[in-house]
Amino acid sequence: MHDLIRTNDPVLISFVESLMRDAGIACLVADSGMSILEGSVGVIPRRILVDEDSASQARRIVIDAGLENELRPWNEREERR
């Protein structure tokens, strides 16, 4: 799975889910259940994950929607910069 976005913003999560659904890309919002444990404070970001095979297309869709600043780095090497 490719870690596409990490955020606490429920509107952003919903929007990205909608973008992926419209493009036929399956995505998973991980760590949603953690809000129960943390008391809904929003400290733990939710992760939007897509399959590695769909990662390039999913990233392009997010960029085209003007949300490129929300994307996680593509790989560890990019993350270190």
Protein backbone atom coordinates (compact mmCIF):
# COMPACT_ATOMS: atom_id res chain seq x y z
CA MET A 1 0.00 0.00 0.00
CA HIS A 2 1.16 3.52 -0.81
CA ASP A 3 0.75 6.19 1.88
CA LEU A 4 -0.86 8.95 -0.19
CA ILE A 5 -1.93 11.52 2.42
CA ARG A 6 -1.89 11.89 6.20
CA THR A 7 -4.30 14.38 7.70
CA ASN A 8 -6.69 15.13 10.54
CA ASP A 9 -9.00 17.07 8.21
CA PRO A 10 -12.23 15.07 7.72
CA VAL A 11 -13.27 17.25 4.77
CA LEU A 12 -9.99 16.57 2.95
CA ILE A 13 -10.31 12.85 3.66
CA SER A 14 -13.85 12.80 2.29
CA PHE A 15 -12.83 14.79 -0.80
CA VAL A 16 -9.87 12.55 -1.60
CA GLU A 17 -12.01 9.44 -1.07
CA SER A 18 -14.51 10.90 -3.54
CA LEU A 19 -11.76 11.65 -6.08
CA MET A 20 -10.45 8.08 -5.81
CA ARG A 21 -13.93 6.57 -6.04
CA ASP A 22 -14.71 8.62 -9.17
CA ALA A 23 -11.45 7.42 -10.75
CA GLY A 24 -12.16 3.79 -9.83
CA ILE A 25 -9.20 3.62 -7.45
CA ALA A 26 -9.72 1.70 -4.24
CA CYS A 27 -8.45 3.51 -1.17
CA LEU A 28 -8.37 2.79 2.53
CA VAL A 29 -8.54 5.34 5.32
CA ALA A 30 -6.36 3.86 8.05
CA ASP A 31 -6.26 4.87 11.70
CA SER A 32 -9.86 6.15 11.74
CA GLY A 33 -10.60 3.99 14.75
CA MET A 34 -7.81 5.64 16.68
CA SER A 35 -10.06 8.67 17.27
CA ILE A 36 -12.03 6.52 19.70
CA LEU A 37 -8.90 5.78 21.68
CA GLU A 38 -7.58 9.34 21.62
CA GLY A 39 -10.93 10.86 22.56
CA SER A 40 -11.63 12.51 19.18
CA VAL A 41 -8.98 15.16 19.81
CA GLY A 42 -7.54 14.67 16.32
CA VAL A 43 -3.96 14.11 17.40
CA ILE A 44 -3.40 11.00 15.30
CA PRO A 45 -3.59 11.72 11.56
CA ARG A 46 -5.61 9.40 9.35
CA ARG A 47 -3.75 7.85 6.42
CA ILE A 48 -5.23 7.52 2.95
CA LEU A 49 -3.69 4.45 1.36
CA VAL A 50 -3.88 3.21 -2.22
CA ASP A 51 -2.50 0.14 -3.92
CA GLU A 52 1.06 0.54 -5.24
CA ASP A 53 -0.18 -0.18 -8.77
CA SER A 54 -2.55 2.80 -8.57
CA ALA A 55 -0.20 5.16 -6.72
CA SER A 56 0.98 7.15 -9.75
CA GLN A 57 -2.54 7.72 -11.02
CA ALA A 58 -3.82 8.58 -7.52
CA ARG A 59 -1.00 11.09 -7.00
CA ARG A 60 -1.75 12.71 -10.38
CA ILE A 61 -5.44 13.04 -9.44
CA VAL A 62 -4.56 14.70 -6.13
CA ILE A 63 -2.14 17.08 -7.89
CA ASP A 64 -4.74 17.92 -10.55
CA ALA A 65 -7.18 18.75 -7.74
CA GLY A 66 -4.69 21.31 -6.42
CA LEU A 67 -3.79 19.34 -3.32
CA GLU A 68 -0.14 18.56 -4.10
CA ASN A 69 0.96 20.03 -0.76
CA GLU A 70 -1.04 17.33 1.03
CA LEU A 71 0.81 14.42 -0.62
CA ARG A 72 3.27 12.32 1.32
CA PRO A 73 6.74 11.93 -0.23
CA TRP A 74 6.87 9.25 -2.91
CA ASN A 75 9.65 7.30 -1.20
CA GLU A 76 12.10 7.43 1.73
CA ARG A 77 14.74 9.16 -0.36
CA GLU A 78 12.37 12.00 -1.21
CA GLU A 79 11.31 12.19 2.45
CA ARG A 80 14.89 12.90 3.60
CA ARG A 81 15.20 16.04 1.44
